[in-house]
Protein backbone atom coordinates (compact mmCIF):
# COMPACT_ATOMS: atom_id res chain seq x y z
CA UNK A 1 104.32 155.27 171.85
CA UNK A 2 107.75 156.49 172.80
CA UNK A 3 107.16 155.45 176.40
CA UNK A 4 106.55 151.83 175.37
CA UNK A 5 109.50 151.59 172.95
CA UNK A 6 112.20 153.03 175.20
CA UNK A 7 112.36 150.11 177.65
CA UNK A 8 112.52 147.62 174.76
CA UNK A 9 115.36 149.51 173.16
CA UNK A 10 117.22 149.63 176.45
CA UNK A 11 116.84 145.88 176.96
CA UNK A 12 118.08 145.18 173.41
CA UNK A 13 121.15 147.34 173.94
CA UNK A 14 121.94 145.60 177.20
CA UNK A 15 121.53 142.17 175.61
CA UNK A 16 123.88 143.12 172.78
CA UNK A 17 126.46 144.42 175.22
CA UNK A 18 126.48 141.19 177.25
CA UNK A 19 126.33 138.95 174.21
CA UNK A 20 129.62 140.20 172.74
CA UNK A 21 132.49 138.95 174.92
CA UNK A 22 135.39 141.32 175.28
CA UNK A 23 138.56 140.37 173.45
CA UNK A 24 141.01 138.55 175.73
CA UNK A 25 143.81 140.83 176.81
CA UNK A 26 147.22 139.70 175.60
CA UNK A 27 150.06 139.88 178.14
CA UNK A 28 153.18 141.94 177.41
CA UNK A 29 156.29 140.22 176.16
CA UNK A 30 158.35 139.58 179.27
CA UNK A 31 162.14 139.41 178.97
CA UNK A 32 163.83 137.79 181.96
CA UNK A 33 167.58 138.45 182.05
CA UNK A 34 169.57 136.19 184.37
CA UNK A 35 173.24 136.54 185.16
CA UNK A 36 175.07 133.21 185.41
CA UNK A 37 175.92 131.83 188.85
CA UNK A 38 179.45 132.01 190.27
CA UNK A 39 182.56 130.15 189.16
CA UNK A 40 185.92 129.83 190.88
CA UNK A 41 187.00 132.87 188.85
CA UNK A 42 184.11 135.15 189.78
CA UNK A 43 185.56 138.10 191.70
CA UNK A 44 189.36 137.73 191.50
CA UNK A 45 189.75 137.05 187.75
CA UNK A 46 188.27 138.37 184.51
CA UNK A 47 187.19 135.13 182.83
CA UNK A 48 185.80 136.73 179.70
CA UNK A 49 185.30 134.16 176.97
CA UNK A 50 187.82 131.64 178.34
CA UNK A 51 186.64 128.09 177.66
CA UNK A 52 186.22 125.48 180.37
CA UNK A 53 185.12 127.80 183.18
CA UNK A 54 182.28 125.87 184.81
CA UNK A 55 180.10 126.74 187.78
CA UNK A 56 181.63 126.14 191.18
CA UNK A 57 179.81 124.09 193.80
CA UNK A 58 178.42 127.33 195.21
CA UNK A 59 177.40 128.37 191.71
CA UNK A 60 175.50 125.15 191.11
CA UNK A 61 173.51 125.86 194.26
CA UNK A 62 172.85 129.45 193.15
CA UNK A 63 171.66 128.31 189.73
CA UNK A 64 169.32 125.76 191.29
CA UNK A 65 167.88 128.39 193.64
CA UNK A 66 167.24 130.75 190.71
CA UNK A 67 165.67 127.92 188.72
CA UNK A 68 163.28 127.23 191.60
CA UNK A 69 162.36 130.92 191.80
CA UNK A 70 161.50 130.92 188.10
CA UNK A 71 159.76 127.55 188.11
CA UNK A 72 156.22 128.94 188.45
CA UNK A 73 156.50 131.43 185.59
CA UNK A 74 155.02 130.52 182.18
CA UNK A 75 158.42 130.45 180.47
CA UNK A 76 158.30 129.35 176.83
CA UNK A 77 161.96 129.61 175.80
CA UNK A 78 165.35 129.69 177.50
CA UNK A 79 168.35 131.23 175.74
CA UNK A 80 171.95 131.41 176.92
CA UNK A 81 175.26 132.92 175.99
CA UNK A 82 177.20 130.00 174.46
CA UNK A 83 179.71 129.66 177.31
CA UNK A 84 179.82 126.90 179.94
CA UNK A 85 178.80 128.95 182.98
CA UNK A 86 175.79 130.55 181.29
CA UNK A 87 174.69 127.32 179.62
CA UNK A 88 174.88 125.43 182.90
CA UNK A 89 172.81 128.09 184.67
CA UNK A 90 170.27 128.06 181.84
CA UNK A 91 170.01 124.27 181.84
CA UNK A 92 168.87 124.23 185.44
CA UNK A 93 166.21 126.85 184.67
CA UNK A 94 165.07 125.06 181.51
CA UNK A 95 164.75 121.70 183.29
CA UNK A 96 161.80 122.97 185.33
CA UNK A 97 159.94 123.75 182.10
CA UNK A 98 161.01 120.70 180.06
CA UNK A 99 162.80 122.98 177.60
CA UNK A 100 166.10 122.81 175.76
CA UNK A 101 168.54 125.69 176.05
CA UNK A 102 168.97 127.67 172.84
CA UNK A 103 172.35 129.38 172.30
CA UNK A 104 172.28 133.15 171.74
CA UNK A 105 175.73 134.36 170.61
CA UNK A 106 174.69 138.02 170.67
CA UNK A 107 174.62 138.07 174.49
CA UNK A 108 178.03 136.46 174.98
CA UNK A 109 180.47 138.02 177.44
CA UNK A 110 182.42 141.09 176.37
CA UNK A 111 185.55 140.42 174.35
CA UNK A 112 188.10 141.61 176.87
CA UNK A 113 191.04 140.93 174.57
CA UNK A 114 194.37 141.07 176.39
CA UNK A 115 192.58 141.42 179.71
CA UNK A 116 191.03 137.95 179.47
CA UNK A 117 192.13 135.83 182.43
CA UNK A 118 193.77 138.79 184.15
CA UNK A 119 193.58 139.56 187.85
CA UNK A 120 191.06 142.29 188.63
CA UNK A 121 193.43 143.80 191.20
CA UNK A 122 196.13 144.24 188.54
CA UNK A 123 193.78 145.51 185.82
CA UNK A 124 192.35 148.11 188.21
CA UNK A 125 195.75 149.84 188.30
CA UNK A 126 195.80 150.57 184.56
CA UNK A 127 194.72 153.80 182.85
CA UNK A 128 192.38 151.82 180.57
CA UNK A 129 190.49 150.57 183.63
CA UNK A 130 189.81 154.14 184.71
CA UNK A 131 188.26 154.90 181.31
CA UNK A 132 186.08 151.79 181.56
CA UNK A 133 184.81 152.95 184.94
CA UNK A 134 184.39 156.69 184.26
CA UNK A 135 183.61 156.94 180.56
CA UNK A 136 182.69 153.47 179.28
CA UNK A 137 181.18 154.78 176.04
CA UNK A 138 184.73 155.71 175.00
CA UNK A 139 186.40 152.53 176.26
CA UNK A 140 187.81 149.69 174.19
CA UNK A 141 189.40 146.67 175.80
CA UNK A 142 193.01 146.14 174.63
CA UNK A 143 192.76 144.09 171.41
CA UNK A 144 189.09 143.48 172.25
CA UNK A 145 185.74 145.09 171.58
CA UNK A 146 184.47 148.44 172.74
CA UNK A 147 181.71 148.66 175.35
CA UNK A 148 179.57 150.49 172.78
CA UNK A 149 179.96 147.54 170.40
CA UNK A 150 179.09 145.12 173.19
CA UNK A 151 175.91 147.06 173.97
CA UNK A 152 174.89 147.28 170.31
CA UNK A 153 175.10 143.54 169.62
CA UNK A 154 173.52 142.66 172.99
CA UNK A 155 170.51 144.92 172.39
CA UNK A 156 170.19 143.72 168.78
CA UNK A 157 170.06 140.10 169.97
CA UNK A 158 167.51 140.86 172.69
CA UNK A 159 165.32 142.90 170.33
CA UNK A 160 165.29 139.96 167.92
CA UNK A 161 164.27 137.59 170.73
CA UNK A 162 161.45 139.90 171.81
CA UNK A 163 160.18 140.17 168.23
CA UNK A 164 160.34 136.39 167.85
CA UNK A 165 158.28 135.68 170.98
CA UNK A 166 155.40 138.18 171.23
CA UNK A 167 153.30 137.96 174.41
CA UNK A 168 155.57 135.27 175.87
CA UNK A 169 157.92 135.04 178.85
CA UNK A 170 161.49 134.37 177.71
CA UNK A 171 164.63 133.81 179.76
CA UNK A 172 168.05 134.91 178.54
CA UNK A 173 171.09 133.93 180.63
CA UNK A 174 174.03 136.24 180.06
CA UNK A 175 176.83 138.09 181.87
CA UNK A 176 177.12 141.16 184.07
CA UNK A 177 178.37 143.71 181.52
CA UNK A 178 176.00 142.75 178.68
CA UNK A 179 173.05 142.79 181.10
CA UNK A 180 174.11 146.15 182.53
CA UNK A 181 174.35 147.57 179.02
CA UNK A 182 170.86 146.27 178.24
CA UNK A 183 169.51 147.87 181.42
CA UNK A 184 171.06 151.17 180.37
CA UNK A 185 169.53 150.95 176.89
CA UNK A 186 165.99 149.95 177.82
CA UNK A 187 165.77 152.31 180.80
CA UNK A 188 167.04 155.31 178.79
CA UNK A 189 170.29 155.60 180.73
CA UNK A 190 173.43 156.88 179.00
CA UNK A 191 176.07 154.17 178.65
CA UNK A 192 178.50 156.30 180.66
CA UNK A 193 176.27 155.69 183.69
CA UNK A 194 176.01 151.91 183.38
CA UNK A 195 178.73 151.31 185.98
CA UNK A 196 176.24 152.65 188.54
CA UNK A 197 174.19 149.49 187.96
CA UNK A 198 175.10 146.30 189.82
CA UNK A 199 174.13 142.85 188.54
CA UNK A 200 174.78 140.04 191.02
CA UNK A 201 175.48 136.41 190.10
CA UNK A 202 172.26 134.44 189.57
CA UNK A 203 170.19 137.63 189.81
CA UNK A 204 167.07 138.36 187.76
CA UNK A 205 166.27 141.53 185.81
CA UNK A 206 162.89 141.72 184.07
CA UNK A 207 161.56 143.95 181.31
CA UNK A 208 158.02 144.02 179.98
CA UNK A 209 157.59 145.10 176.37
CA UNK A 210 154.24 146.75 175.70
CA UNK A 211 152.87 148.20 172.48
CA UNK A 212 154.10 151.70 173.28
CA UNK A 213 157.14 151.15 175.42
CA UNK A 214 159.23 149.11 177.86
CA UNK A 215 158.93 148.87 181.64
CA UNK A 216 161.64 147.51 183.94
CA UNK A 217 159.80 145.58 186.66
CA UNK A 218 162.80 143.89 188.32
CA UNK A 219 166.48 144.82 188.54
CA UNK A 220 169.21 142.67 190.11
CA UNK A 221 166.54 140.77 192.01
CA UNK A 222 167.55 137.85 194.22
CA UNK A 223 164.29 137.51 196.17
CA UNK A 224 160.84 136.12 195.49
CA UNK A 225 159.23 136.42 192.06
CA UNK A 226 155.63 135.46 192.85
CA UNK A 227 154.44 138.94 191.90
CA UNK A 228 155.32 138.07 188.29
CA UNK A 229 152.81 135.22 188.15
CA UNK A 230 149.86 135.78 185.79
CA UNK A 231 146.68 136.93 187.51
CA UNK A 232 143.75 134.49 187.44
CA UNK A 233 141.33 135.40 184.65
CA UNK A 234 138.46 135.62 187.13
CA UNK A 235 140.34 137.97 189.46
CA UNK A 236 138.54 141.04 188.15
CA UNK A 237 136.04 141.85 185.38
CA UNK A 238 138.50 144.47 184.15
CA UNK A 239 141.64 142.38 184.62
CA UNK A 240 142.44 142.62 180.93
CA UNK A 241 142.69 146.40 180.92
CA UNK A 242 145.73 148.28 182.19
CA UNK A 243 145.09 150.37 185.28
CA UNK A 244 146.84 153.23 186.99
CA UNK A 245 147.44 151.10 190.11
CA UNK A 246 149.02 148.30 188.10
CA UNK A 247 151.31 150.71 186.31
CA UNK A 248 152.33 152.28 189.59
CA UNK A 249 153.13 148.84 191.03
CA UNK A 250 155.30 147.97 188.02
CA UNK A 251 157.26 151.20 188.21
CA UNK A 252 157.88 150.85 191.93
CA UNK A 253 159.06 147.21 191.74
C-alpha cells in the first residue's frame, strides 16, 4: 500500500510547489546623488549660497550629458538643493522622465559665512582652511555653520527621502561638500576623512538601501550607468533572490 501512495504524494507536493508563485522581489531603494554641473565660479571662487549663480555654457552641456546617462533608469522623483545651479541641473534630468523638480532645503550648500564669494587661493592661506582640510569635524566656517552641522542636516534630509520612497529610484542634486559628508556617513567613514573623497561636477554617486544595510554602488561616477538598469524578470528563475555574485559586483563597483 505504501508503494502505491508514495508516488501520488510526491506528485501532489510538486503540484502544490508549482501552483504557488513566489512573491515578487522588491528592489532596494536607490538614492542617486548628483553634484551640480559647473558655473563660472566653480574652481576659483567659493560660491556658497550666493544667489544668481547659474550654470555656464560648459555646465549646461555637462548637465545634459548627465541627464542622458540617467535617462534609462526608472527614476520616480527628482529633488534639488534650492539654488539656481542645482535646480538647473535637476531640471535637465527631470525632463527625461516628465517630472517636476522638488526642492530639498536640507541638501543645500554649506553656509560658508564670511567665506562666501571668496577666492579659494586666498582662503587656502588662512588657519581656518587648514582645520577644514585636516580636522573637518572640528571646523566651523567664520559666521557660518560647522561641517558637522552640515552633515547632520544633509543626512537627515536624505534619510527622510529614502523613507518616503521605498523601493524607488530617487535623484537628489546637491553640492560637493554635502555629498561628500553623505558618502562619509553611509560608508561608515569618520567625518575627518571626508576630504579624501572627491566629487566632480555633474558626477553620480549611488547608494542602495536594503532591509539590513546600505551599499555604495557608485562613487563620483562620470561614465556609463547601464549596469544600474533593472534586470529583466525572465533573466533567471532566481533573479528575485540576492546572490553572492551580485553582492560582490555591487561592492566592487
